[in-house]
Full PDB file with SEQRES, HELIX, SHEET, SSBOND, CRYST1, ORIGX, SCALE, CONECT and MASTER records, all heavy atoms in Angstrom:
SEQRES   1 A   38  CYS ALA ALA PHE GLU VAL ASP GLY LEU ARG ALA ASP ILE          
SEQRES   2 A   38  VAL THR ALA ARG THR ALA VAL ALA HIS ALA ALA TRP ALA          
SEQRES   3 A   38  GLY HIS ASP GLU VAL THR LYS ALA ASP ILE ARG GLN              
HELIX    1 AA1 ARG A   10  ALA A   26  1                                  17    
HELIX    2 AA2 LYS A   33  ARG A   37  1                                   5    
CRYST1    1.000    1.000    1.000  90.00  90.00  90.00 P 1           1          
ORIGX1      1.000000  0.000000  0.000000        0.00000                         
ORIGX2      0.000000  1.000000  0.000000        0.00000                         
ORIGX3      0.000000  0.000000  1.000000        0.00000                         
SCALE1      1.000000  0.000000  0.000000        0.00000                         
SCALE2      0.000000  1.000000  0.000000        0.00000                         
SCALE3      0.000000  0.000000  1.000000        0.00000                         
ATOM      1  N   CYS A   1       0.815  -1.218  -0.018  1.00  0.00           N  
ATOM      2  CA  CYS A   1      -0.002   0.003   0.006  1.00  0.00           C  
ATOM      3  C   CYS A   1       0.873   1.283  -0.001  1.00  0.00           C  
ATOM      4  O   CYS A   1       0.542   2.224  -0.674  1.00  0.00           O  
ATOM      5  CB  CYS A   1      -0.937  -0.008   1.199  1.00  0.00           C  
ATOM      6  SG  CYS A   1      -2.196  -1.298   1.172  1.00  0.00           S  
ATOM      7  N   ALA A   2       1.977   1.215   0.747  1.00  0.00           N  
ATOM      8  CA  ALA A   2       2.885   2.390   0.814  1.00  0.00           C  
ATOM      9  C   ALA A   2       3.546   2.622  -0.563  1.00  0.00           C  
ATOM     10  O   ALA A   2       3.733   3.724  -1.006  1.00  0.00           O  
ATOM     11  CB  ALA A   2       3.910   2.221   1.885  1.00  0.00           C  
ATOM     12  N   ALA A   3       3.929   1.510  -1.185  1.00  0.00           N  
ATOM     13  CA  ALA A   3       4.638   1.597  -2.494  1.00  0.00           C  
ATOM     14  C   ALA A   3       3.729   2.187  -3.551  1.00  0.00           C  
ATOM     15  O   ALA A   3       4.201   2.867  -4.459  1.00  0.00           O  
ATOM     16  CB  ALA A   3       5.182   0.255  -2.923  1.00  0.00           C  
ATOM     17  N   PHE A   4       2.468   1.905  -3.506  1.00  0.00           N  
ATOM     18  CA  PHE A   4       1.520   2.446  -4.505  1.00  0.00           C  
ATOM     19  C   PHE A   4       0.970   3.827  -4.137  1.00  0.00           C  
ATOM     20  O   PHE A   4       0.101   4.338  -4.775  1.00  0.00           O  
ATOM     21  CB  PHE A   4       0.372   1.463  -4.727  1.00  0.00           C  
ATOM     22  CG  PHE A   4       0.750   0.360  -5.656  1.00  0.00           C  
ATOM     23  CD1 PHE A   4       0.972  -0.945  -5.160  1.00  0.00           C  
ATOM     24  CD2 PHE A   4       0.897   0.575  -7.016  1.00  0.00           C  
ATOM     25  CE1 PHE A   4       1.358  -1.985  -6.016  1.00  0.00           C  
ATOM     26  CE2 PHE A   4       1.271  -0.471  -7.859  1.00  0.00           C  
ATOM     27  CZ  PHE A   4       1.506  -1.730  -7.369  1.00  0.00           C  
ATOM     28  N   GLU A   5       1.461   4.365  -3.006  1.00  0.00           N  
ATOM     29  CA  GLU A   5       1.187   5.727  -2.573  1.00  0.00           C  
ATOM     30  C   GLU A   5      -0.338   5.990  -2.440  1.00  0.00           C  
ATOM     31  O   GLU A   5      -0.835   7.039  -2.875  1.00  0.00           O  
ATOM     32  CB  GLU A   5       1.802   6.724  -3.542  1.00  0.00           C  
ATOM     33  CG  GLU A   5       3.311   6.608  -3.635  1.00  0.00           C  
ATOM     34  CD  GLU A   5       3.880   7.584  -4.631  1.00  0.00           C  
ATOM     35  OE1 GLU A   5       3.249   7.977  -5.597  1.00  0.00           O  
ATOM     36  OE2 GLU A   5       5.075   7.972  -4.424  1.00  0.00           O  
ATOM     37  N   VAL A   6      -1.070   5.075  -1.866  1.00  0.00           N  
ATOM     38  CA  VAL A   6      -2.488   5.304  -1.643  1.00  0.00           C  
ATOM     39  C   VAL A   6      -2.633   6.202  -0.417  1.00  0.00           C  
ATOM     40  O   VAL A   6      -1.811   6.241   0.509  1.00  0.00           O  
ATOM     41  CB  VAL A   6      -3.254   3.981  -1.386  1.00  0.00           C  
ATOM     42  CG1 VAL A   6      -3.207   3.144  -2.650  1.00  0.00           C  
ATOM     43  CG2 VAL A   6      -2.651   3.198  -0.207  1.00  0.00           C  
ATOM     44  N   ASP A   7      -3.720   7.007  -0.397  1.00  0.00           N  
ATOM     45  CA  ASP A   7      -3.951   7.935   0.664  1.00  0.00           C  
ATOM     46  C   ASP A   7      -4.640   7.212   1.831  1.00  0.00           C  
ATOM     47  O   ASP A   7      -5.456   6.319   1.639  1.00  0.00           O  
ATOM     48  CB  ASP A   7      -4.846   9.052   0.197  1.00  0.00           C  
ATOM     49  CG  ASP A   7      -4.220   9.930  -0.862  1.00  0.00           C  
ATOM     50  OD1 ASP A   7      -2.988  10.034  -0.798  1.00  0.00           O  
ATOM     51  OD2 ASP A   7      -4.937  10.497  -1.692  1.00  0.00           O  
ATOM     52  N   GLY A   8      -4.234   7.597   3.026  1.00  0.00           N  
ATOM     53  CA  GLY A   8      -4.888   7.105   4.226  1.00  0.00           C  
ATOM     54  C   GLY A   8      -4.569   5.639   4.488  1.00  0.00           C  
ATOM     55  O   GLY A   8      -3.673   5.020   3.838  1.00  0.00           O  
ATOM     56  N   LEU A   9      -5.271   5.044   5.443  1.00  0.00           N  
ATOM     57  CA  LEU A   9      -5.018   3.669   5.862  1.00  0.00           C  
ATOM     58  C   LEU A   9      -6.185   2.705   5.536  1.00  0.00           C  
ATOM     59  O   LEU A   9      -6.113   1.537   5.836  1.00  0.00           O  
ATOM     60  CB  LEU A   9      -4.770   3.610   7.383  1.00  0.00           C  
ATOM     61  CG  LEU A   9      -3.451   4.256   7.845  1.00  0.00           C  
ATOM     62  CD1 LEU A   9      -3.372   4.312   9.349  1.00  0.00           C  
ATOM     63  CD2 LEU A   9      -2.260   3.501   7.298  1.00  0.00           C  
ATOM     64  N   ARG A  10      -7.251   3.257   4.958  1.00  0.00           N  
ATOM     65  CA  ARG A  10      -8.370   2.414   4.564  1.00  0.00           C  
ATOM     66  C   ARG A  10      -7.949   1.314   3.595  1.00  0.00           C  
ATOM     67  O   ARG A  10      -8.409   0.169   3.693  1.00  0.00           O  
ATOM     68  CB  ARG A  10      -9.502   3.219   3.967  1.00  0.00           C  
ATOM     69  CG  ARG A  10     -10.715   2.379   3.671  1.00  0.00           C  
ATOM     70  CD  ARG A  10     -11.910   3.197   3.117  1.00  0.00           C  
ATOM     71  NE  ARG A  10     -12.560   3.926   4.192  1.00  0.00           N  
ATOM     72  CZ  ARG A  10     -12.665   5.245   4.212  1.00  0.00           C  
ATOM     73  NH1 ARG A  10     -12.153   5.989   3.202  1.00  0.00           N  
ATOM     74  NH2 ARG A  10     -13.313   5.871   5.175  1.00  0.00           N  
ATOM     75  N   ALA A  11      -7.031   1.650   2.712  1.00  0.00           N  
ATOM     76  CA  ALA A  11      -6.552   0.663   1.744  1.00  0.00           C  
ATOM     77  C   ALA A  11      -5.896  -0.517   2.454  1.00  0.00           C  
ATOM     78  O   ALA A  11      -6.072  -1.684   2.053  1.00  0.00           O  
ATOM     79  CB  ALA A  11      -5.607   1.284   0.730  1.00  0.00           C  
ATOM     80  N   ASP A  12      -5.065  -0.224   3.433  1.00  0.00           N  
ATOM     81  CA  ASP A  12      -4.383  -1.295   4.175  1.00  0.00           C  
ATOM     82  C   ASP A  12      -5.376  -2.229   4.868  1.00  0.00           C  
ATOM     83  O   ASP A  12      -5.258  -3.433   4.855  1.00  0.00           O  
ATOM     84  CB  ASP A  12      -3.432  -0.694   5.226  1.00  0.00           C  
ATOM     85  CG  ASP A  12      -2.423   0.250   4.624  1.00  0.00           C  
ATOM     86  OD1 ASP A  12      -2.862   1.285   4.020  1.00  0.00           O  
ATOM     87  OD2 ASP A  12      -1.194  -0.003   4.748  1.00  0.00           O  
ATOM     88  N   ILE A  13      -6.386  -1.612   5.511  1.00  0.00           N  
ATOM     89  CA  ILE A  13      -7.369  -2.374   6.232  1.00  0.00           C  
ATOM     90  C   ILE A  13      -8.200  -3.259   5.295  1.00  0.00           C  
ATOM     91  O   ILE A  13      -8.378  -4.463   5.544  1.00  0.00           O  
ATOM     92  CB  ILE A  13      -8.326  -1.435   7.057  1.00  0.00           C  
ATOM     93  CG1 ILE A  13      -7.501  -0.689   8.125  1.00  0.00           C  
ATOM     94  CG2 ILE A  13      -9.478  -2.215   7.691  1.00  0.00           C  
ATOM     95  CD1 ILE A  13      -8.279   0.433   8.780  1.00  0.00           C  
ATOM     96  N   VAL A  14      -8.660  -2.666   4.195  1.00  0.00           N  
ATOM     97  CA  VAL A  14      -9.447  -3.425   3.256  1.00  0.00           C  
ATOM     98  C   VAL A  14      -8.630  -4.553   2.612  1.00  0.00           C  
ATOM     99  O   VAL A  14      -9.167  -5.647   2.438  1.00  0.00           O  
ATOM    100  CB  VAL A  14     -10.076  -2.494   2.181  1.00  0.00           C  
ATOM    101  CG1 VAL A  14     -10.757  -3.311   1.077  1.00  0.00           C  
ATOM    102  CG2 VAL A  14     -11.042  -1.540   2.801  1.00  0.00           C  
ATOM    103  N   THR A  15      -7.417  -4.238   2.254  1.00  0.00           N  
ATOM    104  CA  THR A  15      -6.581  -5.270   1.649  1.00  0.00           C  
ATOM    105  C   THR A  15      -6.307  -6.406   2.596  1.00  0.00           C  
ATOM    106  O   THR A  15      -6.369  -7.581   2.197  1.00  0.00           O  
ATOM    107  CB  THR A  15      -5.196  -4.651   1.234  1.00  0.00           C  
ATOM    108  OG1 THR A  15      -5.430  -3.551   0.333  1.00  0.00           O  
ATOM    109  CG2 THR A  15      -4.342  -5.689   0.488  1.00  0.00           C  
ATOM    110  N   ALA A  16      -6.083  -6.130   3.888  1.00  0.00           N  
ATOM    111  CA  ALA A  16      -5.904  -7.174   4.865  1.00  0.00           C  
ATOM    112  C   ALA A  16      -7.156  -8.028   5.005  1.00  0.00           C  
ATOM    113  O   ALA A  16      -7.103  -9.285   5.027  1.00  0.00           O  
ATOM    114  CB  ALA A  16      -5.551  -6.565   6.243  1.00  0.00           C  
ATOM    115  N   ARG A  17      -8.332  -7.402   5.128  1.00  0.00           N  
ATOM    116  CA  ARG A  17      -9.582  -8.136   5.231  1.00  0.00           C  
ATOM    117  C   ARG A  17      -9.845  -9.024   3.995  1.00  0.00           C  
ATOM    118  O   ARG A  17     -10.312 -10.160   4.109  1.00  0.00           O  
ATOM    119  CB  ARG A  17     -10.764  -7.191   5.437  1.00  0.00           C  
ATOM    120  CG  ARG A  17     -10.786  -6.518   6.811  1.00  0.00           C  
ATOM    121  CD  ARG A  17     -11.846  -5.437   6.887  1.00  0.00           C  
ATOM    122  NE  ARG A  17     -11.938  -4.893   8.272  1.00  0.00           N  
ATOM    123  CZ  ARG A  17     -12.652  -3.792   8.574  1.00  0.00           C  
ATOM    124  NH1 ARG A  17     -13.269  -3.160   7.558  1.00  0.00           N  
ATOM    125  NH2 ARG A  17     -12.744  -3.384   9.778  1.00  0.00           N  
ATOM    126  N   THR A  18      -9.558  -8.463   2.842  1.00  0.00           N  
ATOM    127  CA  THR A  18      -9.765  -9.228   1.585  1.00  0.00           C  
ATOM    128  C   THR A  18      -8.813 -10.390   1.464  1.00  0.00           C  
ATOM    129  O   THR A  18      -9.176 -11.464   1.033  1.00  0.00           O  
ATOM    130  CB  THR A  18      -9.586  -8.247   0.366  1.00  0.00           C  
ATOM    131  OG1 THR A  18     -10.450  -7.141   0.558  1.00  0.00           O  
ATOM    132  CG2 THR A  18      -9.948  -8.974  -0.913  1.00  0.00           C  
ATOM    133  N   ALA A  19      -7.556 -10.188   1.903  1.00  0.00           N  
ATOM    134  CA  ALA A  19      -6.577 -11.299   1.862  1.00  0.00           C  
ATOM    135  C   ALA A  19      -7.017 -12.425   2.810  1.00  0.00           C  
ATOM    136  O   ALA A  19      -6.893 -13.590   2.438  1.00  0.00           O  
ATOM    137  CB  ALA A  19      -5.210 -10.757   2.294  1.00  0.00           C  
ATOM    138  N   VAL A  20      -7.555 -12.125   3.954  1.00  0.00           N  
ATOM    139  CA  VAL A  20      -8.024 -13.090   4.915  1.00  0.00           C  
ATOM    140  C   VAL A  20      -9.192 -13.846   4.321  1.00  0.00           C  
ATOM    141  O   VAL A  20      -9.305 -15.082   4.327  1.00  0.00           O  
ATOM    142  CB  VAL A  20      -8.390 -12.462   6.230  1.00  0.00           C  
ATOM    143  CG1 VAL A  20      -9.119 -13.482   7.139  1.00  0.00           C  
ATOM    144  CG2 VAL A  20      -7.155 -11.936   6.972  1.00  0.00           C  
ATOM    145  N   ALA A  21     -10.133 -13.107   3.701  1.00  0.00           N  
ATOM    146  CA  ALA A  21     -11.268 -13.756   3.044  1.00  0.00           C  
ATOM    147  C   ALA A  21     -10.868 -14.634   1.920  1.00  0.00           C  
ATOM    148  O   ALA A  21     -11.408 -15.735   1.704  1.00  0.00           O  
ATOM    149  CB  ALA A  21     -12.273 -12.701   2.566  1.00  0.00           C  
ATOM    150  N   HIS A  22      -9.884 -14.177   1.135  1.00  0.00           N  
ATOM    151  CA  HIS A  22      -9.420 -15.007  -0.005  1.00  0.00           C  
ATOM    152  C   HIS A  22      -8.719 -16.238   0.495  1.00  0.00           C  
ATOM    153  O   HIS A  22      -8.853 -17.333  -0.104  1.00  0.00           O  
ATOM    154  CB  HIS A  22      -8.469 -14.175  -0.836  1.00  0.00           C  
ATOM    155  CG  HIS A  22      -8.107 -14.883  -2.149  1.00  0.00           C  
ATOM    156  ND1 HIS A  22      -6.996 -15.694  -2.251  1.00  0.00           N  
ATOM    157  CD2 HIS A  22      -8.681 -14.853  -3.399  1.00  0.00           C  
ATOM    158  CE1 HIS A  22      -6.961 -16.198  -3.508  1.00  0.00           C  
ATOM    159  NE2 HIS A  22      -7.955 -15.687  -4.208  1.00  0.00           N  
ATOM    160  N   ALA A  23      -7.976 -16.144   1.622  1.00  0.00           N  
ATOM    161  CA  ALA A  23      -7.328 -17.324   2.196  1.00  0.00           C  
ATOM    162  C   ALA A  23      -8.390 -18.351   2.641  1.00  0.00           C  
ATOM    163  O   ALA A  23      -8.237 -19.560   2.395  1.00  0.00           O  
ATOM    164  CB  ALA A  23      -6.462 -16.925   3.353  1.00  0.00           C  
ATOM    165  N   ALA A  24      -9.491 -17.889   3.245  1.00  0.00           N  
ATOM    166  CA  ALA A  24     -10.556 -18.756   3.664  1.00  0.00           C  
ATOM    167  C   ALA A  24     -11.211 -19.384   2.446  1.00  0.00           C  
ATOM    168  O   ALA A  24     -11.541 -20.587   2.478  1.00  0.00           O  
ATOM    169  CB  ALA A  24     -11.600 -17.951   4.494  1.00  0.00           C  
ATOM    170  N   TRP A  25     -11.395 -18.630   1.380  1.00  0.00           N  
ATOM    171  CA  TRP A  25     -12.020 -19.148   0.173  1.00  0.00           C  
ATOM    172  C   TRP A  25     -11.124 -20.201  -0.502  1.00  0.00           C  
ATOM    173  O   TRP A  25     -11.630 -21.200  -1.015  1.00  0.00           O  
ATOM    174  CB  TRP A  25     -12.271 -17.989  -0.778  1.00  0.00           C  
ATOM    175  CG  TRP A  25     -12.688 -18.350  -2.186  1.00  0.00           C  
ATOM    176  CD1 TRP A  25     -11.927 -18.234  -3.311  1.00  0.00           C  
ATOM    177  CD2 TRP A  25     -13.930 -18.868  -2.609  1.00  0.00           C  
ATOM    178  NE1 TRP A  25     -12.630 -18.637  -4.403  1.00  0.00           N  
ATOM    179  CE2 TRP A  25     -13.877 -19.029  -4.000  1.00  0.00           C  
ATOM    180  CE3 TRP A  25     -15.110 -19.197  -1.964  1.00  0.00           C  
ATOM    181  CZ2 TRP A  25     -14.913 -19.530  -4.739  1.00  0.00           C  
ATOM    182  CZ3 TRP A  25     -16.191 -19.693  -2.692  1.00  0.00           C  
ATOM    183  CH2 TRP A  25     -16.095 -19.855  -4.066  1.00  0.00           C  
ATOM    184  N   ALA A  26      -9.765 -19.971  -0.456  1.00  0.00           N  
ATOM    185  CA  ALA A  26      -8.852 -20.885  -1.078  1.00  0.00           C  
ATOM    186  C   ALA A  26      -8.466 -22.040  -0.197  1.00  0.00           C  
ATOM    187  O   ALA A  26      -7.726 -22.930  -0.633  1.00  0.00           O  
ATOM    188  CB  ALA A  26      -7.595 -20.172  -1.523  1.00  0.00           C  
ATOM    189  N   GLY A  27      -8.961 -22.042   1.069  1.00  0.00           N  
ATOM    190  CA  GLY A  27      -8.672 -23.200   1.966  1.00  0.00           C  
ATOM    191  C   GLY A  27      -7.296 -23.080   2.651  1.00  0.00           C  
ATOM    192  O   GLY A  27      -6.782 -24.097   3.161  1.00  0.00           O  
ATOM    193  N   HIS A  28      -6.700 -21.875   2.758  1.00  0.00           N  
ATOM    194  CA  HIS A  28      -5.440 -21.672   3.438  1.00  0.00           C  
ATOM    195  C   HIS A  28      -5.682 -21.463   4.910  1.00  0.00           C  
ATOM    196  O   HIS A  28      -6.696 -20.906   5.329  1.00  0.00           O  
ATOM    197  CB  HIS A  28      -4.732 -20.435   2.858  1.00  0.00           C  
ATOM    198  CG  HIS A  28      -4.434 -20.567   1.382  1.00  0.00           C  
ATOM    199  ND1 HIS A  28      -4.293 -19.482   0.557  1.00  0.00           N  
ATOM    200  CD2 HIS A  28      -4.280 -21.642   0.593  1.00  0.00           C  
ATOM    201  CE1 HIS A  28      -4.067 -19.849  -0.683  1.00  0.00           C  
ATOM    202  NE2 HIS A  28      -4.100 -21.192  -0.691  1.00  0.00           N  
ATOM    203  N   ASP A  29      -4.668 -21.922   5.709  1.00  0.00           N  
ATOM    204  CA  ASP A  29      -4.753 -21.706   7.141  1.00  0.00           C  
ATOM    205  C   ASP A  29      -4.202 -20.326   7.555  1.00  0.00           C  
ATOM    206  O   ASP A  29      -4.486 -19.823   8.638  1.00  0.00           O  
ATOM    207  CB  ASP A  29      -3.937 -22.760   7.917  1.00  0.00           C  
ATOM    208  CG  ASP A  29      -4.580 -24.163   7.739  1.00  0.00           C  
ATOM    209  OD1 ASP A  29      -5.819 -24.232   7.634  1.00  0.00           O  
ATOM    210  OD2 ASP A  29      -3.828 -25.179   7.698  1.00  0.00           O  
ATOM    211  N   GLU A  30      -3.357 -19.786   6.702  1.00  0.00           N  
ATOM    212  CA  GLU A  30      -2.861 -18.460   6.932  1.00  0.00           C  
ATOM    213  C   GLU A  30      -2.696 -17.718   5.607  1.00  0.00           C  
ATOM    214  O   GLU A  30      -2.673 -18.314   4.536  1.00  0.00           O  
ATOM    215  CB  GLU A  30      -1.522 -18.473   7.655  1.00  0.00           C  
ATOM    216  CG  GLU A  30      -0.399 -19.191   6.912  1.00  0.00           C  
ATOM    217  CD  GLU A  30       0.903 -19.202   7.687  1.00  0.00           C  
ATOM    218  OE1 GLU A  30       0.852 -19.418   8.899  1.00  0.00           O  
ATOM    219  OE2 GLU A  30       1.948 -19.034   7.064  1.00  0.00           O  
ATOM    220  N   VAL A  31      -2.635 -16.367   5.702  1.00  0.00           N  
ATOM    221  CA  VAL A  31      -2.570 -15.551   4.497  1.00  0.00           C  
ATOM    222  C   VAL A  31      -1.255 -15.736   3.785  1.00  0.00           C  
ATOM    223  O   VAL A  31      -0.164 -15.644   4.377  1.00  0.00           O  
ATOM    224  CB  VAL A  31      -2.775 -14.099   4.838  1.00  0.00           C  
ATOM    225  CG1 VAL A  31      -2.523 -13.156   3.642  1.00  0.00           C  
ATOM    226  CG2 VAL A  31      -4.181 -13.816   5.401  1.00  0.00           C  
ATOM    227  N   THR A  32      -1.300 -15.955   2.475  1.00  0.00           N  
ATOM    228  CA  THR A  32      -0.104 -16.164   1.622  1.00  0.00           C  
ATOM    229  C   THR A  32       0.055 -15.002   0.704  1.00  0.00           C  
ATOM    230  O   THR A  32      -0.732 -14.084   0.631  1.00  0.00           O  
ATOM    231  CB  THR A  32      -0.260 -17.449   0.810  1.00  0.00           C  
ATOM    232  OG1 THR A  32      -1.325 -17.270  -0.150  1.00  0.00           O  
ATOM    233  CG2 THR A  32      -0.577 -18.672   1.695  1.00  0.00           C  
ATOM    234  N   LYS A  33       1.248 -14.999  -0.001  1.00  0.00           N  
ATOM    235  CA  LYS A  33       1.461 -13.906  -0.937  1.00  0.00           C  
ATOM    236  C   LYS A  33       0.452 -13.916  -2.080  1.00  0.00           C  
ATOM    237  O   LYS A  33       0.068 -12.878  -2.605  1.00  0.00           O  
ATOM    238  CB  LYS A  33       2.901 -14.047  -1.555  1.00  0.00           C  
ATOM    239  CG  LYS A  33       3.944 -13.527  -0.655  1.00  0.00           C  
ATOM    240  CD  LYS A  33       5.211 -13.178  -1.445  1.00  0.00           C  
ATOM    241  CE  LYS A  33       5.712 -14.241  -2.399  1.00  0.00           C  
ATOM    242  NZ  LYS A  33       6.921 -13.885  -3.075  1.00  0.00           N  
ATOM    243  N   ALA A  34      -0.036 -15.109  -2.490  1.00  0.00           N  
ATOM    244  CA  ALA A  34      -1.057 -15.197  -3.496  1.00  0.00           C  
ATOM    245  C   ALA A  34      -2.349 -14.510  -3.016  1.00  0.00           C  
ATOM    246  O   ALA A  34      -3.017 -13.834  -3.836  1.00  0.00           O  
ATOM    247  CB  ALA A  34      -1.320 -16.655  -3.863  1.00  0.00           C  
ATOM    248  N   ASP A  35      -2.679 -14.694  -1.756  1.00  0.00           N  
ATOM    249  CA  ASP A  35      -3.878 -14.003  -1.187  1.00  0.00           C  
ATOM    250  C   ASP A  35      -3.656 -12.499  -1.231  1.00  0.00           C  
ATOM    251  O   ASP A  35      -4.593 -11.714  -1.540  1.00  0.00           O  
ATOM    252  CB  ASP A  35      -4.130 -14.480   0.229  1.00  0.00           C  
ATOM    253  CG  ASP A  35      -4.379 -15.993   0.269  1.00  0.00           C  
ATOM    254  OD1 ASP A  35      -5.042 -16.526  -0.609  1.00  0.00           O  
ATOM    255  OD2 ASP A  35      -3.903 -16.617   1.261  1.00  0.00           O  
ATOM    256  N   ILE A  36      -2.484 -12.035  -0.829  1.00  0.00           N  
ATOM    257  CA  ILE A  36      -2.197 -10.595  -0.798  1.00  0.00           C  
ATOM    258  C   ILE A  36      -2.242 -10.022  -2.216  1.00  0.00           C  
ATOM    259  O   ILE A  36      -2.803  -8.906  -2.429  1.00  0.00           O  
ATOM    260  CB  ILE A  36      -0.825 -10.381  -0.161  1.00  0.00           C  
ATOM    261  CG1 ILE A  36      -0.821 -10.785   1.299  1.00  0.00           C  
ATOM    262  CG2 ILE A  36      -0.468  -8.861  -0.259  1.00  0.00           C  
ATOM    263  CD1 ILE A  36       0.515 -10.714   1.959  1.00  0.00           C  
ATOM    264  N   ARG A  37      -1.714 -10.736  -3.160  1.00  0.00           N  
ATOM    265  CA  ARG A  37      -1.683 -10.262  -4.579  1.00  0.00           C  
ATOM    266  C   ARG A  37      -3.098 -10.064  -5.085  1.00  0.00           C  
ATOM    267  O   ARG A  37      -3.437  -9.043  -5.639  1.00  0.00           O  
ATOM    268  CB  ARG A  37      -0.901 -11.223  -5.440  1.00  0.00           C  
ATOM    269  CG  ARG A  37      -0.742 -10.748  -6.875  1.00  0.00           C  
ATOM    270  CD  ARG A  37      -0.019 -11.774  -7.738  1.00  0.00           C  
ATOM    271  NE  ARG A  37       0.382 -11.221  -9.020  1.00  0.00           N  
ATOM    272  CZ  ARG A  37      -0.435 -11.006 -10.078  1.00  0.00           C  
ATOM    273  NH1 ARG A  37      -1.693 -11.430  -9.983  1.00  0.00           N  
ATOM    274  NH2 ARG A  37       0.036 -10.517 -11.164  1.00  0.00           N  
ATOM    275  N   GLN A  38      -3.957 -11.090  -4.875  1.00  0.00           N  
ATOM    276  CA  GLN A  38      -5.321 -11.013  -5.347  1.00  0.00           C  
ATOM    277  C   GLN A  38      -6.087  -9.887  -4.624  1.00  0.00           C  
ATOM    278  O   GLN A  38      -6.860  -9.150  -5.252  1.00  0.00           O  
ATOM    279  CB  GLN A  38      -6.031 -12.329  -5.168  1.00  0.00           C  
ATOM    280  CG  GLN A  38      -7.410 -12.386  -5.839  1.00  0.00           C  
ATOM    281  CD  GLN A  38      -7.331 -12.228  -7.314  1.00  0.00           C  
ATOM    282  OE1 GLN A  38      -6.758 -13.060  -8.016  1.00  0.00           O  
ATOM    283  NE2 GLN A  38      -7.945 -11.168  -7.833  1.00  0.00           N  
TER     284      GLN A  38                                                      
MASTER        0    0    0    2    0    0    0    6  283    1    0    3          
END                                                                             
């Protein structure tokens, strides 16, 4: 999020929540780089 110079911290929070949801959807026990990328 810092590298893409997004404003504020909402992007970090939403990305984290989405990565966790994607990990649950993909059957992962913990968040992976693939989850973060998506």
